Amino acid sequence: IFAPLVVGKALQEIPYKDHIVRRMVTKYNKTLAYFSNTLLACIPWMKISDSAQKGTFNSVKAENIFIVGAWFLCVHLLFLGTNFVLTTALREELKLRKALVMTASTKTLPV
């Protein structure tokens, strides 16, 4: 994950104003972001599939899966609540507050 980031940033910093990498990143910025997030979301999926294939989940009780799901929900609600309280305390306008709460509450890998 770190190596492509470093290589991409290094290529963007080549000191030419009209460098092809800089033009491509500017042109396809949203597409690259969606592609990156999709690939990042596939990592847990691949790990779960690998564990299922090895039979690791055979010994897991259904109640434990529900407990993990409940903790998952609690973490989301905690992040949303904390960010809502902090942005309300800053007295920002509603549009900015919504954007801040959603951005600050976004989690990819920890969850």
C-alpha atoms as a PDB file:
ATOM      1  CA  ILE A   1       0.000   0.000   0.000  1.00  0.00           C
ATOM      2  CA  PHE A   2       2.801   2.409   0.877  1.00  0.00           C
ATOM      3  CA  ALA A   3       5.105   1.741  -2.107  1.00  0.00           C
ATOM      4  CA  PRO A   4       2.592   2.775  -4.846  1.00  0.00           C
ATOM      5  CA  LEU A   5       1.814   5.919  -2.864  1.00  0.00           C
ATOM      6  CA  VAL A   6       5.488   6.894  -2.683  1.00  0.00           C
ATOM      7  CA  VAL A   7       6.104   6.101  -6.359  1.00  0.00           C
ATOM      8  CA  GLY A   8       2.991   8.027  -7.436  1.00  0.00           C
ATOM      9  CA  LYS A   9       3.901  11.082  -5.375  1.00  0.00           C
ATOM     10  CA  ALA A  10       7.496  10.981  -6.629  1.00  0.00           C
ATOM     11  CA  LEU A  11       6.319  10.826 -10.256  1.00  0.00           C
ATOM     12  CA  GLN A  12       3.996  13.799  -9.685  1.00  0.00           C
ATOM     13  CA  GLU A  13       6.879  15.867  -8.356  1.00  0.00           C
ATOM     14  CA  ILE A  14       8.964  15.632 -11.544  1.00  0.00           C
ATOM     15  CA  PRO A  15       9.812  19.283 -12.243  1.00  0.00           C
ATOM     16  CA  TYR A  16       8.031  19.744 -15.562  1.00  0.00           C
ATOM     17  CA  LYS A  17       4.918  21.901 -15.686  1.00  0.00           C
ATOM     18  CA  ASP A  18       3.152  19.764 -18.269  1.00  0.00           C
ATOM     19  CA  HIS A  19       4.307  16.321 -17.139  1.00  0.00           C
ATOM     20  CA  ILE A  20       2.125  13.431 -18.344  1.00  0.00           C
ATOM     21  CA  VAL A  21       1.726  11.898 -14.867  1.00  0.00           C
ATOM     22  CA  ARG A  22       0.502  15.192 -13.419  1.00  0.00           C
ATOM     23  CA  ARG A  23      -1.954  15.632 -16.313  1.00  0.00           C
ATOM     24  CA  MET A  24      -3.295  12.089 -15.966  1.00  0.00           C
ATOM     25  CA  VAL A  25      -3.750  12.384 -12.201  1.00  0.00           C
ATOM     26  CA  THR A  26      -5.564  15.689 -12.619  1.00  0.00           C
ATOM     27  CA  LYS A  27      -7.795  14.319 -15.367  1.00  0.00           C
ATOM     28  CA  TYR A  28      -8.654  10.994 -13.707  1.00  0.00           C
ATOM     29  CA  ASN A  29      -8.531  12.043 -10.054  1.00  0.00           C
ATOM     30  CA  LYS A  30     -12.009  10.756  -9.107  1.00  0.00           C
ATOM     31  CA  THR A  31     -11.578   7.521 -11.046  1.00  0.00           C
ATOM     32  CA  LEU A  32      -8.246   6.847  -9.359  1.00  0.00           C
ATOM     33  CA  ALA A  33      -9.762   7.535  -5.934  1.00  0.00           C
ATOM     34  CA  TYR A  34     -12.674   5.133  -6.574  1.00  0.00           C
ATOM     35  CA  PHE A  35     -10.302   2.490  -7.926  1.00  0.00           C
ATOM     36  CA  SER A  36      -7.997   2.848  -4.922  1.00  0.00           C
ATOM     37  CA  ASN A  37     -10.866   2.604  -2.425  1.00  0.00           C
ATOM     38  CA  THR A  38     -12.304  -0.427  -4.209  1.00  0.00           C
ATOM     39  CA  LEU A  39      -8.980  -2.241  -4.094  1.00  0.00           C
ATOM     40  CA  LEU A  40      -8.541  -1.306  -0.438  1.00  0.00           C
ATOM     41  CA  ALA A  41     -12.003  -2.680   0.355  1.00  0.00           C
ATOM     42  CA  CYS A  42     -11.096  -5.962  -1.377  1.00  0.00           C
ATOM     43  CA  ILE A  43      -8.296  -6.710   1.108  1.00  0.00           C
ATOM     44  CA  PRO A  44     -10.558  -7.757   4.019  1.00  0.00           C
ATOM     45  CA  TRP A  45     -12.755  -9.668   1.572  1.00  0.00           C
ATOM     46  CA  MET A  46      -9.742 -11.667   0.354  1.00  0.00           C
ATOM     47  CA  LYS A  47      -8.627 -12.365   3.935  1.00  0.00           C
ATOM     48  CA  ILE A  48     -12.099 -13.598   4.924  1.00  0.00           C
ATOM     49  CA  SER A  49     -12.291 -15.787   1.800  1.00  0.00           C
ATOM     50  CA  ASP A  50      -8.874 -17.240   2.578  1.00  0.00           C
ATOM     51  CA  SER A  51      -9.887 -17.993   6.163  1.00  0.00           C
ATOM     52  CA  ALA A  52     -13.165 -19.561   5.024  1.00  0.00           C
ATOM     53  CA  GLN A  53     -11.322 -21.758   2.539  1.00  0.00           C
ATOM     54  CA  LYS A  54      -8.907 -22.932   5.257  1.00  0.00           C
ATOM     55  CA  GLY A  55     -11.856 -23.791   7.512  1.00  0.00           C
ATOM     56  CA  THR A  56     -10.979 -21.256  10.180  1.00  0.00           C
ATOM     57  CA  PHE A  57     -14.623 -20.206  10.612  1.00  0.00           C
ATOM     58  CA  ASN A  58     -15.834 -23.737  11.365  1.00  0.00           C
ATOM     59  CA  SER A  59     -15.136 -23.273  15.078  1.00  0.00           C
ATOM     60  CA  VAL A  60     -16.672 -19.775  15.329  1.00  0.00           C
ATOM     61  CA  LYS A  61     -20.036 -19.587  17.096  1.00  0.00           C
ATOM     62  CA  ALA A  62     -22.851 -17.536  15.575  1.00  0.00           C
ATOM     63  CA  GLU A  63     -23.194 -15.505  18.788  1.00  0.00           C
ATOM     64  CA  ASN A  64     -19.584 -14.360  18.453  1.00  0.00           C
ATOM     65  CA  ILE A  65     -20.298 -13.049  14.965  1.00  0.00           C
ATOM     66  CA  PHE A  66     -23.233 -11.044  16.342  1.00  0.00           C
ATOM     67  CA  ILE A  67     -21.029  -9.693  19.149  1.00  0.00           C
ATOM     68  CA  VAL A  68     -18.452  -8.505  16.610  1.00  0.00           C
ATOM     69  CA  GLY A  69     -21.251  -6.910  14.572  1.00  0.00           C
ATOM     70  CA  ALA A  70     -22.520  -5.099  17.669  1.00  0.00           C
ATOM     71  CA  TRP A  71     -19.035  -3.751  18.421  1.00  0.00           C
ATOM     72  CA  PHE A  72     -18.746  -2.686  14.791  1.00  0.00           C
ATOM     73  CA  LEU A  73     -21.965  -0.691  15.155  1.00  0.00           C
ATOM     74  CA  CYS A  74     -20.798   0.794  18.481  1.00  0.00           C
ATOM     75  CA  VAL A  75     -17.524   2.013  16.957  1.00  0.00           C
ATOM     76  CA  HIS A  76     -19.401   3.703  14.110  1.00  0.00           C
ATOM     77  CA  LEU A  77     -21.867   5.367  16.459  1.00  0.00           C
ATOM     78  CA  LEU A  78     -19.060   6.464  18.791  1.00  0.00           C
ATOM     79  CA  PHE A  79     -17.118   8.072  15.932  1.00  0.00           C
ATOM     80  CA  LEU A  80     -20.236   9.766  14.544  1.00  0.00           C
ATOM     81  CA  GLY A  81     -21.334  10.993  17.978  1.00  0.00           C
ATOM     82  CA  THR A  82     -17.910  12.307  18.951  1.00  0.00           C
ATOM     83  CA  ASN A  83     -17.485  14.134  15.667  1.00  0.00           C
ATOM     84  CA  PHE A  84     -21.004  15.558  15.858  1.00  0.00           C
ATOM     85  CA  VAL A  85     -20.405  16.922  19.369  1.00  0.00           C
ATOM     86  CA  LEU A  86     -17.039  18.418  18.421  1.00  0.00           C
ATOM     87  CA  THR A  87     -18.330  20.087  15.253  1.00  0.00           C
ATOM     88  CA  THR A  88     -21.355  21.434  17.121  1.00  0.00           C
ATOM     89  CA  ALA A  89     -19.034  22.908  19.752  1.00  0.00           C
ATOM     90  CA  LEU A  90     -17.126  24.680  16.963  1.00  0.00           C
ATOM     91  CA  ARG A  91     -20.426  26.264  15.809  1.00  0.00           C
ATOM     92  CA  GLU A  92     -19.807  25.629  12.155  1.00  0.00           C
ATOM     93  CA  GLU A  93     -22.562  26.031   9.574  1.00  0.00           C
ATOM     94  CA  LEU A  94     -24.687  22.945   8.888  1.00  0.00           C
ATOM     95  CA  LYS A  95     -23.190  22.065   5.471  1.00  0.00           C
ATOM     96  CA  LEU A  96     -19.647  22.194   6.798  1.00  0.00           C
ATOM     97  CA  ARG A  97     -20.629  20.295   9.934  1.00  0.00           C
ATOM     98  CA  LYS A  98     -22.130  17.478   7.859  1.00  0.00           C
ATOM     99  CA  ALA A  99     -19.019  17.267   5.706  1.00  0.00           C
ATOM    100  CA  LEU A 100     -16.718  17.270   8.728  1.00  0.00           C
ATOM    101  CA  VAL A 101     -18.702  14.598  10.578  1.00  0.00           C
ATOM    102  CA  MET A 102     -18.828  12.277   7.565  1.00  0.00           C
ATOM    103  CA  THR A 103     -15.189  12.804   6.628  1.00  0.00           C
ATOM    104  CA  ALA A 104     -13.872  12.439  10.165  1.00  0.00           C
ATOM    105  CA  SER A 105     -16.014   9.348  10.776  1.00  0.00           C
ATOM    106  CA  THR A 106     -14.896   7.520   7.641  1.00  0.00           C
ATOM    107  CA  LYS A 107     -12.958   4.397   8.410  1.00  0.00           C
ATOM    108  CA  THR A 108     -11.553   1.944   5.920  1.00  0.00           C
ATOM    109  CA  LEU A 109      -8.972  -0.362   7.444  1.00  0.00           C
ATOM    110  CA  PRO A 110      -9.684  -0.181  11.208  1.00  0.00           C
ATOM    111  CA  VAL A 111     -13.193  -1.525  10.762  1.00  0.00           C
END
